[in-house]
Amino acid sequence: MKTIRLLLTLLCLAGFAGGTHAQAPTDTTAGNPRKWYAPDGLVLQFAGNIGMFSGGASYSFAKDKINTDLVYGAVPKLDAQEMLHILTLRGIYKPFKKIPLDDKYSLTPLRFGLGVSYYFRDQVSTKWSKDYPDAYYWWVSSLRMTGSLGLGINRSIRNSKIKEVSLYTEAGTYDLIVTSAVKDKTLGPWDIINFSVGTRVAF
């Protein structure tokens, strides 16, 4: 039941993002306005604390300076004790304008991301057992906060339903490993940072 409630909360947040986005007019190649819940793009990613492989819907705001992604990720059993399923809601902020490289390609010099991930597992929960005293652990096993920094290369496409295809790379981490590094001085930067690559297709 806790899992269902959290899933509904994440979906409501994504729906709110889509509803806010829909207040601005959106054009399509077919000439029909896009539905409020229809994403502006799709994302696919390899690694990055949200699953070995992940993908989902992406919404664009503020002239594409902000993206909101709702993605599902999976970690195969070969890389874990069991198959992991992860739902992530994240925001990507691109503070600088794209740098044109030629008439088709451009560079996104900085992508700053923050997100929250929920792990669907029997062994994890949003609350600790009553066997532990209150505040014994500050974190819960089913939720993770993630952060990332990266850049991207974009290719614009004319006369197509696909407006742009972007390839990005990021360096990221998550809350639990960062706090562990603060307490455990044997952990260095390479122990808490991971790298990911992904693509975003914009409609």
N, C-alpha and C. Protein backbone atom coordinates (compact mmCIF):
# COMPACT_ATOMS: atom_id res chain seq x y z
N MET A 1 0.82 -1.20 0.00
CA MET A 1 0.00 0.00 0.00
C MET A 1 0.86 1.25 0.00
N LYS A 2 1.96 1.21 0.77
CA LYS A 2 2.88 2.35 0.78
C LYS A 2 3.47 2.59 -0.61
N THR A 3 3.78 1.50 -1.29
CA THR A 3 4.33 1.61 -2.64
C THR A 3 3.34 2.28 -3.57
N ILE A 4 2.07 1.89 -3.49
CA ILE A 4 1.05 2.46 -4.36
C ILE A 4 0.88 3.94 -4.09
N ARG A 5 0.87 4.33 -2.81
CA ARG A 5 0.69 5.74 -2.47
C ARG A 5 1.83 6.58 -3.01
N LEU A 6 3.07 6.08 -2.86
CA LEU A 6 4.20 6.85 -3.35
C LEU A 6 4.19 6.94 -4.87
N LEU A 7 3.84 5.85 -5.53
CA LEU A 7 3.76 5.86 -6.98
C LEU A 7 2.73 6.88 -7.45
N LEU A 8 1.57 6.92 -6.80
CA LEU A 8 0.55 7.90 -7.16
C LEU A 8 1.03 9.32 -6.93
N THR A 9 1.79 9.54 -5.86
CA THR A 9 2.34 10.86 -5.59
C THR A 9 3.27 11.31 -6.70
N LEU A 10 4.17 10.41 -7.13
CA LEU A 10 5.10 10.75 -8.20
C LEU A 10 4.37 11.03 -9.50
N LEU A 11 3.34 10.24 -9.79
CA LEU A 11 2.58 10.44 -11.00
C LEU A 11 1.81 11.75 -10.95
N CYS A 12 1.31 12.12 -9.78
CA CYS A 12 0.61 13.39 -9.64
C CYS A 12 1.55 14.56 -9.87
N LEU A 13 2.79 14.45 -9.35
CA LEU A 13 3.77 15.49 -9.59
C LEU A 13 4.09 15.63 -11.07
N ALA A 14 4.21 14.48 -11.73
CA ALA A 14 4.48 14.52 -13.17
C ALA A 14 3.29 15.12 -13.91
N GLY A 15 2.07 14.79 -13.46
CA GLY A 15 0.88 15.34 -14.09
C GLY A 15 0.78 16.83 -13.89
N PHE A 16 1.17 17.31 -12.68
CA PHE A 16 1.18 18.74 -12.43
C PHE A 16 2.16 19.44 -13.35
N ALA A 17 3.33 18.80 -13.54
CA ALA A 17 4.33 19.37 -14.45
C ALA A 17 3.76 19.46 -15.86
N GLY A 18 3.10 18.41 -16.29
CA GLY A 18 2.52 18.42 -17.63
C GLY A 18 1.42 19.44 -17.76
N GLY A 19 0.59 19.60 -16.69
CA GLY A 19 -0.49 20.57 -16.74
C GLY A 19 0.04 21.99 -16.81
N THR A 20 1.09 22.28 -16.03
CA THR A 20 1.69 23.60 -16.07
C THR A 20 2.27 23.86 -17.44
N HIS A 21 2.91 22.86 -17.99
CA HIS A 21 3.51 22.97 -19.32
C HIS A 21 2.45 23.26 -20.37
N ALA A 22 1.26 22.71 -20.18
CA ALA A 22 0.21 22.84 -21.19
C ALA A 22 -0.35 24.23 -21.27
N GLN A 23 -0.07 25.10 -20.27
CA GLN A 23 -0.57 26.45 -20.32
C GLN A 23 0.06 27.25 -21.45
N ALA A 24 1.25 26.82 -21.89
CA ALA A 24 1.89 27.46 -23.02
C ALA A 24 1.51 26.75 -24.29
N PRO A 25 1.23 27.50 -25.40
CA PRO A 25 0.84 26.84 -26.63
C PRO A 25 1.96 25.99 -27.18
N THR A 26 1.61 24.84 -27.70
CA THR A 26 2.58 23.90 -28.27
C THR A 26 2.17 23.58 -29.69
N ASP A 27 3.12 23.73 -30.63
CA ASP A 27 2.81 23.41 -32.00
C ASP A 27 3.38 22.05 -32.36
N THR A 28 2.77 21.39 -33.30
CA THR A 28 3.26 20.11 -33.79
C THR A 28 3.24 20.15 -35.30
N THR A 29 3.96 19.22 -35.89
CA THR A 29 4.02 19.20 -37.34
C THR A 29 2.67 18.87 -37.95
N ALA A 30 1.81 18.20 -37.21
CA ALA A 30 0.50 17.85 -37.72
C ALA A 30 -0.49 19.00 -37.59
N GLY A 31 -0.11 20.07 -36.87
CA GLY A 31 -0.97 21.21 -36.72
C GLY A 31 -1.98 21.08 -35.61
N ASN A 32 -1.94 20.01 -34.84
CA ASN A 32 -2.86 19.80 -33.74
C ASN A 32 -2.15 20.06 -32.42
N PRO A 33 -2.81 20.74 -31.47
CA PRO A 33 -2.17 20.99 -30.18
C PRO A 33 -1.93 19.67 -29.43
N ARG A 34 -0.81 19.59 -28.77
CA ARG A 34 -0.47 18.38 -28.02
C ARG A 34 -1.28 18.34 -26.73
N LYS A 35 -1.71 17.15 -26.34
CA LYS A 35 -2.43 16.98 -25.09
C LYS A 35 -1.55 17.39 -23.92
N TRP A 36 -2.18 17.85 -22.83
CA TRP A 36 -1.42 18.35 -21.69
C TRP A 36 -0.50 17.29 -21.09
N TYR A 37 -0.91 16.04 -21.18
CA TYR A 37 -0.11 14.98 -20.56
C TYR A 37 0.95 14.42 -21.51
N ALA A 38 0.91 14.81 -22.77
CA ALA A 38 1.87 14.27 -23.75
C ALA A 38 3.25 14.87 -23.49
N PRO A 39 4.28 14.05 -23.44
CA PRO A 39 5.63 14.57 -23.18
C PRO A 39 6.18 15.34 -24.36
N ASP A 40 7.17 16.18 -24.07
CA ASP A 40 7.90 16.91 -25.11
C ASP A 40 9.04 16.09 -25.67
N GLY A 41 9.35 14.98 -25.02
CA GLY A 41 10.46 14.17 -25.48
C GLY A 41 10.53 12.86 -24.72
N LEU A 42 11.46 12.03 -25.14
CA LEU A 42 11.74 10.76 -24.48
C LEU A 42 13.22 10.69 -24.14
N VAL A 43 13.53 10.08 -23.01
CA VAL A 43 14.93 9.93 -22.61
C VAL A 43 15.27 8.46 -22.42
N LEU A 44 16.49 8.12 -22.79
CA LEU A 44 17.06 6.79 -22.55
C LEU A 44 18.43 6.99 -21.94
N GLN A 45 18.76 6.20 -20.92
CA GLN A 45 20.02 6.42 -20.21
C GLN A 45 20.64 5.10 -19.78
N PHE A 46 21.96 5.08 -19.77
CA PHE A 46 22.72 3.95 -19.27
C PHE A 46 23.47 4.39 -18.02
N ALA A 47 23.25 3.70 -16.90
CA ALA A 47 23.89 3.96 -15.60
C ALA A 47 23.37 5.27 -15.00
N GLY A 48 24.03 5.72 -13.93
CA GLY A 48 23.66 6.98 -13.33
C GLY A 48 22.78 6.90 -12.10
N ASN A 49 22.83 5.83 -11.32
CA ASN A 49 22.10 5.68 -10.06
C ASN A 49 20.59 5.57 -10.20
N ILE A 50 20.08 5.50 -11.42
CA ILE A 50 18.64 5.35 -11.62
C ILE A 50 18.33 4.05 -12.37
N GLY A 51 19.30 3.14 -12.39
CA GLY A 51 19.15 1.88 -13.08
C GLY A 51 20.28 1.68 -14.07
N MET A 52 20.61 0.42 -14.33
CA MET A 52 21.60 0.17 -15.36
C MET A 52 21.09 0.68 -16.71
N PHE A 53 19.80 0.43 -16.95
CA PHE A 53 19.12 0.97 -18.13
C PHE A 53 17.85 1.67 -17.66
N SER A 54 17.57 2.84 -18.21
CA SER A 54 16.38 3.58 -17.81
C SER A 54 15.84 4.37 -18.99
N GLY A 55 14.55 4.68 -18.91
CA GLY A 55 13.92 5.45 -19.97
C GLY A 55 12.56 5.95 -19.52
N GLY A 56 12.10 7.02 -20.17
CA GLY A 56 10.80 7.56 -19.80
C GLY A 56 10.48 8.85 -20.52
N ALA A 57 9.49 9.56 -19.96
CA ALA A 57 8.96 10.78 -20.56
C ALA A 57 9.70 12.00 -20.05
N SER A 58 9.79 13.02 -20.91
CA SER A 58 10.47 14.25 -20.55
C SER A 58 9.62 15.45 -20.95
N TYR A 59 9.52 16.43 -20.05
CA TYR A 59 8.76 17.65 -20.29
C TYR A 59 9.71 18.85 -20.28
N SER A 60 9.40 19.84 -21.10
CA SER A 60 10.27 20.99 -21.26
C SER A 60 9.60 22.26 -20.76
N PHE A 61 10.37 23.12 -20.08
CA PHE A 61 9.88 24.39 -19.54
C PHE A 61 10.89 25.49 -19.82
N ALA A 62 10.41 26.73 -19.74
CA ALA A 62 11.29 27.91 -19.80
C ALA A 62 12.22 27.85 -21.01
N LYS A 63 11.63 27.62 -22.18
CA LYS A 63 12.39 27.56 -23.43
C LYS A 63 13.49 26.50 -23.35
N ASP A 64 13.13 25.37 -22.76
CA ASP A 64 14.00 24.19 -22.66
C ASP A 64 15.17 24.39 -21.70
N LYS A 65 15.11 25.40 -20.84
CA LYS A 65 16.15 25.52 -19.82
C LYS A 65 15.93 24.51 -18.70
N ILE A 66 14.68 24.05 -18.55
CA ILE A 66 14.35 23.10 -17.51
C ILE A 66 13.64 21.90 -18.13
N ASN A 67 14.07 20.73 -17.78
CA ASN A 67 13.40 19.49 -18.18
C ASN A 67 12.98 18.74 -16.92
N THR A 68 11.78 18.16 -16.96
CA THR A 68 11.32 17.28 -15.91
C THR A 68 11.13 15.90 -16.51
N ASP A 69 11.82 14.92 -15.94
CA ASP A 69 11.79 13.55 -16.46
C ASP A 69 11.15 12.60 -15.45
N LEU A 70 10.31 11.73 -15.94
CA LEU A 70 9.76 10.63 -15.14
C LEU A 70 10.22 9.36 -15.82
N VAL A 71 11.14 8.63 -15.19
CA VAL A 71 11.78 7.50 -15.85
C VAL A 71 11.72 6.24 -14.99
N TYR A 72 11.63 5.13 -15.68
CA TYR A 72 11.71 3.81 -15.04
C TYR A 72 13.08 3.23 -15.34
N GLY A 73 13.72 2.69 -14.32
CA GLY A 73 15.02 2.08 -14.49
C GLY A 73 15.05 0.67 -13.94
N ALA A 74 15.97 -0.13 -14.46
CA ALA A 74 16.10 -1.51 -14.01
C ALA A 74 17.57 -1.87 -13.87
N VAL A 75 17.84 -2.69 -12.86
CA VAL A 75 19.18 -3.27 -12.68
C VAL A 75 19.02 -4.77 -12.79
N PRO A 76 19.58 -5.40 -13.82
CA PRO A 76 19.43 -6.86 -13.98
C PRO A 76 20.00 -7.62 -12.79
N LYS A 77 19.53 -8.81 -12.61
CA LYS A 77 19.97 -9.65 -11.50
C LYS A 77 21.45 -9.94 -11.57
N LEU A 78 22.02 -9.91 -12.76
CA LEU A 78 23.44 -10.22 -12.91
C LEU A 78 24.32 -9.21 -12.19
N ASP A 79 23.79 -7.99 -11.94
CA ASP A 79 24.57 -6.95 -11.28
C ASP A 79 24.06 -6.69 -9.86
N ALA A 80 23.14 -7.51 -9.37
CA ALA A 80 22.59 -7.35 -8.03
C ALA A 80 22.08 -8.70 -7.55
N GLN A 81 21.72 -8.77 -6.27
CA GLN A 81 21.22 -10.02 -5.73
C GLN A 81 19.84 -10.36 -6.29
N GLU A 82 19.13 -9.36 -6.74
CA GLU A 82 17.83 -9.55 -7.35
C GLU A 82 17.60 -8.45 -8.36
N MET A 83 16.61 -8.64 -9.22
CA MET A 83 16.25 -7.63 -10.19
C MET A 83 15.70 -6.41 -9.47
N LEU A 84 16.24 -5.23 -9.77
CA LEU A 84 15.80 -4.00 -9.13
C LEU A 84 14.97 -3.18 -10.11
N HIS A 85 13.87 -2.61 -9.61
CA HIS A 85 13.02 -1.72 -10.40
C HIS A 85 12.98 -0.37 -9.70
N ILE A 86 13.24 0.69 -10.45
CA ILE A 86 13.40 2.02 -9.86
C ILE A 86 12.56 3.03 -10.65
N LEU A 87 11.81 3.86 -9.93
CA LEU A 87 11.06 4.96 -10.54
C LEU A 87 11.68 6.26 -10.07
N THR A 88 12.04 7.13 -11.01
CA THR A 88 12.74 8.37 -10.69
C THR A 88 12.01 9.57 -11.27
N LEU A 89 11.85 10.59 -10.44
CA LEU A 89 11.35 11.89 -10.88
C LEU A 89 12.50 12.88 -10.69
N ARG A 90 12.94 13.50 -11.77
CA ARG A 90 14.10 14.38 -11.67
C ARG A 90 13.91 15.64 -12.50
N GLY A 91 14.63 16.67 -12.10
CA GLY A 91 14.65 17.92 -12.85
C GLY A 91 16.05 18.18 -13.39
N ILE A 92 16.12 18.66 -14.61
CA ILE A 92 17.39 19.01 -15.25
C ILE A 92 17.37 20.51 -15.55
N TYR A 93 18.34 21.23 -15.02
CA TYR A 93 18.43 22.67 -15.24
C TYR A 93 19.63 22.96 -16.13
N LYS A 94 19.39 23.70 -17.21
CA LYS A 94 20.45 24.08 -18.15
C LYS A 94 20.57 25.61 -18.14
N PRO A 95 21.44 26.16 -17.28
CA PRO A 95 21.48 27.61 -17.06
C PRO A 95 22.02 28.42 -18.22
N PHE A 96 22.81 27.80 -19.09
CA PHE A 96 23.44 28.55 -20.17
C PHE A 96 22.81 28.22 -21.52
N LYS A 97 22.81 29.18 -22.39
CA LYS A 97 22.28 28.98 -23.73
C LYS A 97 23.14 27.96 -24.49
N LYS A 98 22.51 27.30 -25.42
CA LYS A 98 23.24 26.37 -26.27
C LYS A 98 24.26 27.13 -27.11
N ILE A 99 25.42 26.55 -27.27
CA ILE A 99 26.49 27.15 -28.08
C ILE A 99 26.45 26.54 -29.47
N PRO A 100 26.13 27.33 -30.50
CA PRO A 100 26.08 26.77 -31.86
C PRO A 100 27.46 26.30 -32.31
N LEU A 101 27.49 25.11 -32.91
CA LEU A 101 28.72 24.59 -33.48
C LEU A 101 28.71 24.70 -34.99
N ASP A 102 27.55 24.49 -35.58
CA ASP A 102 27.32 24.76 -37.00
C ASP A 102 25.82 24.89 -37.18
N ASP A 103 25.30 24.74 -38.42
CA ASP A 103 23.88 24.96 -38.65
C ASP A 103 23.00 23.84 -38.09
N LYS A 104 23.59 22.71 -37.68
CA LYS A 104 22.81 21.58 -37.15
C LYS A 104 23.15 21.23 -35.70
N TYR A 105 24.40 21.41 -35.33
CA TYR A 105 24.86 20.95 -34.03
C TYR A 105 25.06 22.11 -33.06
N SER A 106 24.81 21.82 -31.78
CA SER A 106 25.05 22.80 -30.73
C SER A 106 25.51 22.07 -29.48
N LEU A 107 26.10 22.83 -28.55
CA LEU A 107 26.64 22.29 -27.31
C LEU A 107 25.85 22.85 -26.12
N THR A 108 25.40 21.96 -25.25
CA THR A 108 24.84 22.37 -23.96
C THR A 108 25.98 22.26 -22.95
N PRO A 109 26.54 23.41 -22.50
CA PRO A 109 27.76 23.36 -21.69
C PRO A 109 27.58 22.84 -20.28
N LEU A 110 26.34 22.93 -19.74
CA LEU A 110 26.13 22.48 -18.37
C LEU A 110 24.70 21.98 -18.17
N ARG A 111 24.59 20.81 -17.57
CA ARG A 111 23.31 20.22 -17.15
C ARG A 111 23.43 19.90 -15.67
N PHE A 112 22.54 20.49 -14.88
CA PHE A 112 22.54 20.24 -13.44
C PHE A 112 21.26 19.51 -13.08
N GLY A 113 21.39 18.32 -12.49
CA GLY A 113 20.22 17.51 -12.23
C GLY A 113 20.04 17.17 -10.76
N LEU A 114 18.77 17.15 -10.32
CA LEU A 114 18.39 16.69 -8.99
C LEU A 114 17.18 15.78 -9.14
N GLY A 115 17.16 14.68 -8.38
CA GLY A 115 16.03 13.77 -8.51
C GLY A 115 15.80 12.97 -7.25
N VAL A 116 14.65 12.30 -7.22
CA VAL A 116 14.33 11.37 -6.15
C VAL A 116 13.93 10.04 -6.77
N SER A 117 14.48 8.96 -6.26
CA SER A 117 14.23 7.63 -6.80
C SER A 117 13.57 6.75 -5.75
N TYR A 118 12.62 5.93 -6.22
CA TYR A 118 11.95 4.97 -5.34
C TYR A 118 12.26 3.56 -5.84
N TYR A 119 12.71 2.71 -4.92
CA TYR A 119 13.07 1.34 -5.25
C TYR A 119 11.91 0.40 -4.89
N PHE A 120 11.45 -0.36 -5.89
CA PHE A 120 10.37 -1.32 -5.67
C PHE A 120 10.99 -2.67 -5.28
N ARG A 121 11.10 -2.91 -3.97
CA ARG A 121 11.68 -4.16 -3.48
C ARG A 121 10.98 -4.55 -2.20
N ASP A 122 10.88 -5.84 -1.97
CA ASP A 122 10.29 -6.32 -0.72
C ASP A 122 11.18 -6.01 0.47
N GLN A 123 12.50 -5.92 0.22
CA GLN A 123 13.43 -5.73 1.31
C GLN A 123 13.60 -4.27 1.72
N VAL A 124 13.00 -3.35 0.96
CA VAL A 124 13.16 -1.94 1.29
C VAL A 124 11.81 -1.36 1.64
N SER A 125 11.83 -0.27 2.40
CA SER A 125 10.59 0.34 2.86
C SER A 125 10.81 1.82 3.10
N THR A 126 9.71 2.57 3.16
CA THR A 126 9.81 3.99 3.48
C THR A 126 9.89 4.22 4.98
N LYS A 127 9.79 3.14 5.77
CA LYS A 127 9.92 3.24 7.22
C LYS A 127 10.78 2.08 7.72
N TRP A 128 11.51 2.35 8.81
CA TRP A 128 12.30 1.30 9.42
C TRP A 128 11.45 0.49 10.39
N SER A 129 11.89 -0.72 10.65
CA SER A 129 11.20 -1.59 11.59
C SER A 129 11.19 -0.97 12.98
N LYS A 130 10.19 -1.33 13.77
CA LYS A 130 10.10 -0.85 15.15
C LYS A 130 11.20 -1.43 16.02
N ASP A 131 11.97 -2.37 15.46
CA ASP A 131 13.11 -2.90 16.20
C ASP A 131 14.20 -1.85 16.42
N TYR A 132 14.17 -0.79 15.56
CA TYR A 132 15.17 0.27 15.66
C TYR A 132 14.57 1.46 16.41
N PRO A 133 15.35 2.12 17.26
CA PRO A 133 14.87 3.32 17.95
C PRO A 133 14.56 4.43 16.94
N ASP A 134 13.70 5.36 17.34
CA ASP A 134 13.39 6.50 16.48
C ASP A 134 14.67 7.27 16.17
N ALA A 135 14.77 7.68 14.91
CA ALA A 135 15.92 8.47 14.43
C ALA A 135 17.23 7.68 14.47
N TYR A 136 17.16 6.34 14.60
CA TYR A 136 18.38 5.53 14.57
C TYR A 136 19.07 5.66 13.21
N TYR A 137 18.25 5.63 12.13
CA TYR A 137 18.73 5.91 10.79
C TYR A 137 18.02 7.16 10.28
N TRP A 138 18.78 8.08 9.67
CA TRP A 138 18.16 9.29 9.11
C TRP A 138 17.58 9.02 7.74
N TRP A 139 17.99 7.94 7.09
CA TRP A 139 17.57 7.65 5.73
C TRP A 139 16.64 6.44 5.72
N VAL A 140 15.89 6.32 4.63
CA VAL A 140 15.03 5.15 4.43
C VAL A 140 15.57 4.37 3.25
N SER A 141 15.38 3.07 3.28
CA SER A 141 16.03 2.20 2.31
C SER A 141 15.41 2.26 0.92
N SER A 142 14.19 2.76 0.80
CA SER A 142 13.51 2.73 -0.49
C SER A 142 13.67 4.02 -1.30
N LEU A 143 14.15 5.09 -0.67
CA LEU A 143 14.25 6.38 -1.34
C LEU A 143 15.70 6.84 -1.41
N ARG A 144 16.06 7.41 -2.56
CA ARG A 144 17.39 7.97 -2.74
C ARG A 144 17.25 9.32 -3.44
N MET A 145 18.06 10.28 -2.97
CA MET A 145 18.19 11.57 -3.64
C MET A 145 19.43 11.53 -4.52
N THR A 146 19.29 11.95 -5.76
CA THR A 146 20.41 11.90 -6.69
C THR A 146 20.75 13.29 -7.20
N GLY A 147 21.99 13.47 -7.59
CA GLY A 147 22.44 14.72 -8.18
C GLY A 147 23.45 14.45 -9.28
N SER A 148 23.52 15.35 -10.25
CA SER A 148 24.44 15.13 -11.38
C SER A 148 24.84 16.44 -12.02
N LEU A 149 25.98 16.41 -12.69
CA LEU A 149 26.47 17.50 -13.51
C LEU A 149 26.93 16.90 -14.84
N GLY A 150 26.63 17.59 -15.94
CA GLY A 150 27.03 17.05 -17.22
C GLY A 150 26.96 18.07 -18.34
N LEU A 151 27.09 17.57 -19.54
CA LEU A 151 26.99 18.41 -20.74
C LEU A 151 26.37 17.57 -21.85
N GLY A 152 26.01 18.23 -22.95
CA GLY A 152 25.37 17.51 -24.04
C GLY A 152 25.67 18.09 -25.41
N ILE A 153 25.53 17.26 -26.41
CA ILE A 153 25.64 17.65 -27.81
C ILE A 153 24.26 17.47 -28.45
N ASN A 154 23.81 18.47 -29.18
CA ASN A 154 22.47 18.45 -29.75
C ASN A 154 22.52 18.56 -31.27
N ARG A 155 21.62 17.83 -31.92
CA ARG A 155 21.47 17.93 -33.36
C ARG A 155 20.02 18.27 -33.68
N SER A 156 19.82 19.41 -34.30
CA SER A 156 18.47 19.83 -34.69
C SER A 156 18.06 19.11 -35.97
N ILE A 157 16.77 18.83 -36.07
CA ILE A 157 16.23 18.13 -37.23
C ILE A 157 15.06 18.95 -37.78
N ARG A 158 15.12 19.29 -39.04
CA ARG A 158 14.09 20.12 -39.65
C ARG A 158 13.05 19.25 -40.37
N ASN A 159 11.85 19.80 -40.47
CA ASN A 159 10.76 19.15 -41.22
C ASN A 159 10.49 17.73 -40.74
N SER A 160 10.43 17.58 -39.44
CA SER A 160 10.20 16.27 -38.85
C SER A 160 9.46 16.43 -37.54
N LYS A 161 8.75 15.39 -37.13
CA LYS A 161 8.11 15.41 -35.82
C LYS A 161 9.15 15.44 -34.71
N ILE A 162 10.33 14.93 -34.99
CA ILE A 162 11.44 15.01 -34.04
C ILE A 162 12.19 16.31 -34.31
N LYS A 163 12.22 17.18 -33.30
CA LYS A 163 12.87 18.48 -33.46
C LYS A 163 14.36 18.44 -33.18
N GLU A 164 14.75 17.58 -32.24
CA GLU A 164 16.16 17.56 -31.84
C GLU A 164 16.50 16.23 -31.18
N VAL A 165 17.71 15.80 -31.40
CA VAL A 165 18.25 14.62 -30.72
C VAL A 165 19.51 15.05 -29.97
N SER A 166 19.55 14.75 -28.67
CA SER A 166 20.68 15.15 -27.84
C SER A 166 21.36 13.92 -27.26
N LEU A 167 22.68 14.00 -27.20
CA LEU A 167 23.49 12.98 -26.54
C LEU A 167 24.18 13.66 -25.36
N TYR A 168 24.01 13.11 -24.16
CA TYR A 168 24.59 13.76 -22.99
C TYR A 168 25.37 12.76 -22.14
N THR A 169 26.25 13.31 -21.34
CA THR A 169 27.00 12.52 -20.37
C THR A 169 26.98 13.26 -19.05
N GLU A 170 26.96 12.50 -17.95
CA GLU A 170 26.86 13.11 -16.63
C GLU A 170 27.76 12.41 -15.63
N ALA A 171 28.21 13.16 -14.64
CA ALA A 171 28.86 12.61 -13.45
C ALA A 171 27.88 12.81 -12.30
N GLY A 172 27.57 11.74 -11.57
CA GLY A 172 26.54 11.85 -10.55
C GLY A 172 26.88 11.11 -9.27
N THR A 173 26.02 11.33 -8.27
CA THR A 173 26.17 10.66 -6.98
C THR A 173 24.81 10.62 -6.31
N TYR A 174 24.75 10.11 -5.08
CA TYR A 174 23.48 10.06 -4.36
C TYR A 174 23.71 10.30 -2.87
N ASP A 175 22.64 10.62 -2.17
CA ASP A 175 22.74 11.12 -0.81
C ASP A 175 23.48 10.20 0.15
N LEU A 176 23.17 8.92 0.14
CA LEU A 176 23.72 8.00 1.13
C LEU A 176 25.22 7.85 1.00
N ILE A 177 25.72 7.75 -0.23
CA ILE A 177 27.16 7.56 -0.42
C ILE A 177 27.93 8.84 -0.09
N VAL A 178 27.30 10.00 -0.31
CA VAL A 178 27.96 11.27 0.03
C VAL A 178 28.13 11.40 1.54
N THR A 179 27.07 11.11 2.28
CA THR A 179 27.18 11.19 3.75
C THR A 179 28.13 10.13 4.29
N SER A 180 28.20 8.98 3.65
CA SER A 180 29.15 7.95 4.06
C SER A 180 30.58 8.43 3.86
N ALA A 181 30.81 9.17 2.76
CA ALA A 181 32.15 9.67 2.48
C ALA A 181 32.57 10.73 3.48
N VAL A 182 31.60 11.50 3.97
CA VAL A 182 31.91 12.51 4.99
C VAL A 182 32.39 11.84 6.27
N LYS A 183 31.78 10.71 6.61
CA LYS A 183 32.13 10.01 7.85
C LYS A 183 33.33 9.08 7.68
N ASP A 184 33.45 8.50 6.49
CA ASP A 184 34.52 7.53 6.22
C ASP A 184 35.56 8.17 5.31
N LYS A 185 36.67 8.57 5.88
CA LYS A 185 37.69 9.29 5.11
C LYS A 185 38.43 8.39 4.12
N THR A 186 38.21 7.09 4.19
CA THR A 186 38.86 6.20 3.23
C THR A 186 38.18 6.24 1.87
N LEU A 187 36.98 6.78 1.81
CA LEU A 187 36.26 6.91 0.54
C LEU A 187 36.70 8.17 -0.18
N GLY A 188 37.15 8.00 -1.40
CA GLY A 188 37.58 9.13 -2.19
C GLY A 188 36.55 9.52 -3.23
N PRO A 189 36.84 10.56 -4.03
CA PRO A 189 35.89 11.02 -5.05
C PRO A 189 35.47 9.93 -6.02
N TRP A 190 36.42 9.06 -6.41
CA TRP A 190 36.09 8.02 -7.38
C TRP A 190 35.22 6.92 -6.79
N ASP A 191 35.11 6.91 -5.46
CA ASP A 191 34.23 5.93 -4.81
C ASP A 191 32.78 6.38 -4.76
N ILE A 192 32.56 7.68 -4.87
CA ILE A 192 31.20 8.20 -4.72
C ILE A 192 30.64 8.77 -6.02
N ILE A 193 31.46 8.88 -7.05
CA ILE A 193 31.02 9.45 -8.33
C ILE A 193 30.88 8.34 -9.36
N ASN A 194 29.82 8.39 -10.13
CA ASN A 194 29.65 7.46 -11.24
C ASN A 194 29.33 8.26 -12.50
N PHE A 195 29.47 7.62 -13.63
CA PHE A 195 29.27 8.29 -14.91
C PHE A 195 28.15 7.62 -15.70
N SER A 196 27.43 8.41 -16.45
CA SER A 196 26.32 7.90 -17.25
C SER A 196 26.31 8.58 -18.61
N VAL A 197 25.66 7.93 -19.56
CA VAL A 197 25.45 8.49 -20.87
C VAL A 197 23.97 8.29 -21.23
N GLY A 198 23.45 9.20 -22.02
CA GLY A 198 22.05 9.08 -22.38
C GLY A 198 21.71 9.89 -23.61
N THR A 199 20.49 9.73 -24.05
CA THR A 199 20.01 10.50 -25.20
C THR A 199 18.60 11.01 -24.91
N ARG A 200 18.30 12.18 -25.44
CA ARG A 200 16.96 12.76 -25.32
C ARG A 200 16.48 13.11 -26.72
N VAL A 201 15.29 12.62 -27.05
CA VAL A 201 14.67 12.93 -28.33
C VAL A 201 13.54 13.92 -28.06
N ALA A 202 13.64 15.11 -28.63
CA ALA A 202 12.66 16.17 -28.41
C ALA A 202 11.68 16.23 -29.57
N PHE A 203 10.38 16.34 -29.25
CA PHE A 203 9.33 16.40 -30.28
C PHE A 203 8.96 17.85 -30.59
